């Protein structure tokens, strides 16, 4: 049975890289039943254009340089007065923290830029109908996260996370806890591994989500 919409999906594209955005626009121009109605290079611009153009779907990158990131832009777009557009994340990042933050912000789907064009087109159509599409690696991480027990942190790791959440650097953390910077780096590596992240911001986001902060 043909489930394609009777009218083209109106799409707004948000990506801060001009070359990447141009490539997406060229690719989407060949897609059946998809009409790109606007493009944005910042989160603020995406929020404004989503309100002005009323697209069916916003294709959203997560890392957008200066200004609000893709997660905050997604939150603002999806919380707008109904009918708000659906947001489909298209990114290179698939850490647990990024996925969790995007979904909690209201993203309908989460796709990696490594996906084939056909998968992207299909995900856009699915998002326009409010259906969730996740790239296989993302789906696997979500399922693993649901099945896995909450990570167990040592008291020292919790102390360092607490300092991290206050925006302190390694040297400041070392001074506050009377340990060496090398020890701080070692503990941070273990914290990242346990939380499934690779950035300080990701560690803090997961720690807050799972109530791991002291």
Protein backbone atom coordinates (compact mmCIF):
# COMPACT_ATOMS: atom_id res chain seq x y z
CA UNK A 1 0.00 0.00 0.00
CA UNK A 2 1.35 3.44 -0.88
CA UNK A 3 1.81 5.52 2.28
CA UNK A 4 3.40 8.55 0.65
CA UNK A 5 1.79 11.88 1.56
CA UNK A 6 -0.59 13.46 -0.94
CA UNK A 7 1.41 16.69 -0.84
CA UNK A 8 5.17 17.29 -0.63
CA UNK A 9 6.73 17.33 2.82
CA UNK A 10 7.67 20.94 3.57
CA UNK A 11 11.21 20.83 4.96
CA UNK A 12 13.44 23.35 6.73
CA UNK A 13 17.16 22.48 6.80
CA UNK A 14 19.41 23.67 9.63
CA UNK A 15 23.18 23.10 9.46
CA UNK A 16 25.91 25.61 10.24
CA UNK A 17 28.36 24.28 7.63
CA UNK A 18 27.65 26.04 4.34
CA UNK A 19 29.14 23.30 2.18
CA UNK A 20 27.30 20.54 4.04
CA UNK A 21 24.05 22.50 3.81
CA UNK A 22 24.54 23.04 0.08
CA UNK A 23 25.12 19.32 -0.39
CA UNK A 24 21.97 18.50 1.53
CA UNK A 25 19.93 20.96 -0.51
CA UNK A 26 21.22 19.45 -3.75
CA UNK A 27 20.46 15.94 -2.52
CA UNK A 28 17.00 16.84 -1.26
CA UNK A 29 16.24 18.57 -4.52
CA UNK A 30 16.22 15.14 -6.15
CA UNK A 31 13.94 13.61 -3.53
CA UNK A 32 10.37 12.76 -4.45
CA UNK A 33 7.65 14.52 -2.48
CA UNK A 34 10.04 16.70 -0.45
CA UNK A 35 10.06 20.48 -0.83
CA UNK A 36 12.80 22.48 0.92
CA UNK A 37 11.11 25.71 2.00
CA UNK A 38 14.04 27.26 3.86
CA UNK A 39 17.55 26.88 5.23
CA UNK A 40 19.16 28.05 8.45
CA UNK A 41 22.75 28.27 9.64
CA UNK A 42 22.09 28.89 13.35
CA UNK A 43 19.72 27.60 15.98
CA UNK A 44 18.13 31.01 16.41
CA UNK A 45 17.54 31.30 12.68
CA UNK A 46 15.96 27.84 12.60
CA UNK A 47 13.54 28.74 15.39
CA UNK A 48 12.55 31.97 13.64
CA UNK A 49 12.10 30.33 10.23
CA UNK A 50 10.16 27.41 11.70
CA UNK A 51 7.66 29.90 13.08
CA UNK A 52 7.55 31.95 9.88
CA UNK A 53 7.48 29.16 7.26
CA UNK A 54 5.51 26.49 9.16
CA UNK A 55 7.38 23.49 7.68
CA UNK A 56 6.21 19.94 8.31
CA UNK A 57 9.70 18.83 9.35
CA UNK A 58 12.89 20.55 10.46
CA UNK A 59 16.09 18.69 9.61
CA UNK A 60 18.34 19.66 12.52
CA UNK A 61 22.08 19.36 13.10
CA UNK A 62 23.15 19.27 16.77
CA UNK A 63 26.40 21.26 16.75
CA UNK A 64 25.71 24.75 15.42
CA UNK A 65 28.69 26.85 16.46
CA UNK A 66 27.88 30.08 18.26
CA UNK A 67 24.45 30.61 19.79
CA UNK A 68 22.00 27.93 20.87
CA UNK A 69 22.73 24.36 19.85
CA UNK A 70 20.47 21.98 17.95
CA UNK A 71 19.01 20.53 21.12
CA UNK A 72 17.84 23.90 22.44
CA UNK A 73 16.56 24.86 18.98
CA UNK A 74 14.63 21.58 18.87
CA UNK A 75 13.13 22.29 22.29
CA UNK A 76 11.96 25.75 21.23
CA UNK A 77 10.55 24.56 17.91
CA UNK A 78 8.64 21.58 19.29
CA UNK A 79 7.24 23.55 22.22
CA UNK A 80 5.77 26.23 19.97
CA UNK A 81 2.06 26.70 19.63
CA UNK A 82 0.56 23.66 17.84
CA UNK A 83 0.78 22.51 15.19
CA UNK A 84 4.54 22.61 15.76
CA UNK A 85 6.85 21.07 13.15
CA UNK A 86 8.42 17.69 13.80
CA UNK A 87 12.20 17.74 14.21
CA UNK A 88 14.44 15.11 12.67
CA UNK A 89 18.01 15.24 13.95
CA UNK A 90 20.70 14.66 11.33
CA UNK A 91 24.16 14.58 12.90
CA UNK A 92 27.51 12.83 13.11
CA UNK A 93 27.22 12.48 16.89
CA UNK A 94 25.75 9.35 18.47
CA UNK A 95 26.81 9.50 22.12
CA UNK A 96 24.26 8.52 24.74
CA UNK A 97 24.16 12.07 26.04
CA UNK A 98 23.46 13.60 22.62
CA UNK A 99 20.74 11.08 21.84
CA UNK A 100 19.07 11.47 25.22
CA UNK A 101 19.13 15.26 25.14
CA UNK A 102 17.71 15.42 21.61
CA UNK A 103 14.87 12.99 22.31
CA UNK A 104 14.01 14.70 25.58
CA UNK A 105 13.92 18.02 23.72
CA UNK A 106 11.19 16.63 21.46
CA UNK A 107 13.02 15.25 18.42
CA UNK A 108 10.86 12.82 16.46
CA UNK A 109 13.84 10.97 14.96
CA UNK A 110 17.61 10.74 15.15
CA UNK A 111 19.59 9.99 12.00
CA UNK A 112 23.34 9.84 11.38
CA UNK A 113 24.85 11.60 8.38
CA UNK A 114 26.41 8.30 7.27
CA UNK A 115 22.98 6.95 6.29
CA UNK A 116 22.12 6.40 2.62
CA UNK A 117 20.04 9.08 0.87
CA UNK A 118 17.08 6.68 0.60
CA UNK A 119 17.09 6.26 4.37
CA UNK A 120 17.13 10.02 4.85
CA UNK A 121 14.19 10.51 2.47
CA UNK A 122 12.23 7.76 4.22
CA UNK A 123 12.98 9.23 7.66
CA UNK A 124 11.78 12.68 6.54
CA UNK A 125 8.47 11.23 5.35
CA UNK A 126 8.14 9.22 8.56
CA UNK A 127 8.84 12.32 10.67
CA UNK A 128 6.17 14.27 8.79
CA UNK A 129 3.67 11.69 10.06
CA UNK A 130 5.03 11.83 13.60
CA UNK A 131 6.71 8.43 13.33
CA UNK A 132 10.07 7.83 14.99
CA UNK A 133 13.08 6.81 12.91
CA UNK A 134 16.44 5.97 14.48
CA UNK A 135 19.63 5.03 12.68
CA UNK A 136 20.53 1.41 13.56
CA UNK A 137 23.55 2.42 15.69
CA UNK A 138 21.38 4.91 17.56
CA UNK A 139 18.61 2.36 18.10
CA UNK A 140 21.18 -0.09 19.43
CA UNK A 141 22.52 2.46 21.90
CA UNK A 142 19.01 3.34 23.07
CA UNK A 143 18.16 -0.32 23.67
CA UNK A 144 21.45 -0.98 25.41
CA UNK A 145 20.88 2.06 27.60
CA UNK A 146 17.43 0.82 28.58
CA UNK A 147 18.76 -2.61 29.49
CA UNK A 148 21.93 -1.52 31.24
CA UNK A 149 21.99 -0.87 34.99
CA UNK A 150 22.82 2.61 36.21
CA UNK A 151 26.60 3.14 36.22
CA UNK A 152 28.31 2.91 39.59
CA UNK A 153 30.67 5.76 40.36
CA UNK A 154 33.19 5.93 43.18
CA UNK A 155 32.94 8.71 45.75
CA UNK A 156 35.94 10.43 44.16
CA UNK A 157 34.36 10.23 40.70
CA UNK A 158 31.18 11.77 42.09
CA UNK A 159 33.24 14.55 43.66
CA UNK A 160 34.91 15.28 40.33
CA UNK A 161 31.56 15.22 38.53
CA UNK A 162 30.25 17.74 41.02
CA UNK A 163 33.18 20.05 40.31
CA UNK A 164 32.73 19.46 36.58
CA UNK A 165 29.09 20.52 36.77
CA UNK A 166 30.23 23.86 38.17
CA UNK A 167 32.31 24.49 35.07
CA UNK A 168 35.72 24.01 36.69
CA UNK A 169 38.75 23.00 34.64
CA UNK A 170 41.15 20.20 35.51
CA UNK A 171 43.57 22.46 37.36
CA UNK A 172 40.79 24.00 39.44
CA UNK A 173 39.34 20.58 40.24
CA UNK A 174 42.78 19.34 41.29
CA UNK A 175 43.21 22.28 43.64
CA UNK A 176 39.71 21.94 45.10
CA UNK A 177 40.12 18.22 45.81
CA UNK A 178 43.85 18.35 46.73
CA UNK A 179 44.88 15.90 44.01
CA UNK A 180 47.08 16.15 40.93
CA UNK A 181 45.87 17.13 37.47
CA UNK A 182 47.02 13.72 36.22
CA UNK A 183 44.74 12.06 38.76
CA UNK A 184 41.85 14.25 37.63
CA UNK A 185 42.44 13.21 34.00
CA UNK A 186 42.53 9.54 34.99
CA UNK A 187 39.24 9.81 36.86
CA UNK A 188 37.66 11.74 33.98
CA UNK A 189 38.58 8.96 31.57
CA UNK A 190 36.89 6.43 33.83
CA UNK A 191 33.83 8.64 34.22
CA UNK A 192 33.52 9.03 30.43
CA UNK A 193 33.75 5.26 29.96
CA UNK A 194 31.11 4.54 32.60
CA UNK A 195 28.69 7.16 31.29
CA UNK A 196 29.24 6.36 27.61
CA UNK A 197 30.28 9.91 26.68
CA UNK A 198 33.40 11.58 25.34
CA UNK A 199 33.00 15.21 26.42
CA UNK A 200 32.74 17.12 29.69
CA UNK A 201 29.34 18.53 28.70
CA UNK A 202 28.12 15.02 27.87
CA UNK A 203 29.24 13.72 31.26
CA UNK A 204 27.40 16.49 33.09
CA UNK A 205 24.25 15.99 31.00
CA UNK A 206 24.13 12.24 31.70
CA UNK A 207 24.96 12.76 35.36
CA UNK A 208 22.07 15.19 35.75
CA UNK A 209 19.71 12.93 33.85
CA UNK A 210 20.58 9.91 36.02
CA UNK A 211 20.85 11.93 39.24
CA UNK A 212 24.47 10.98 39.78
CA UNK A 213 25.68 14.34 41.02
CA UNK A 214 26.49 14.62 44.73
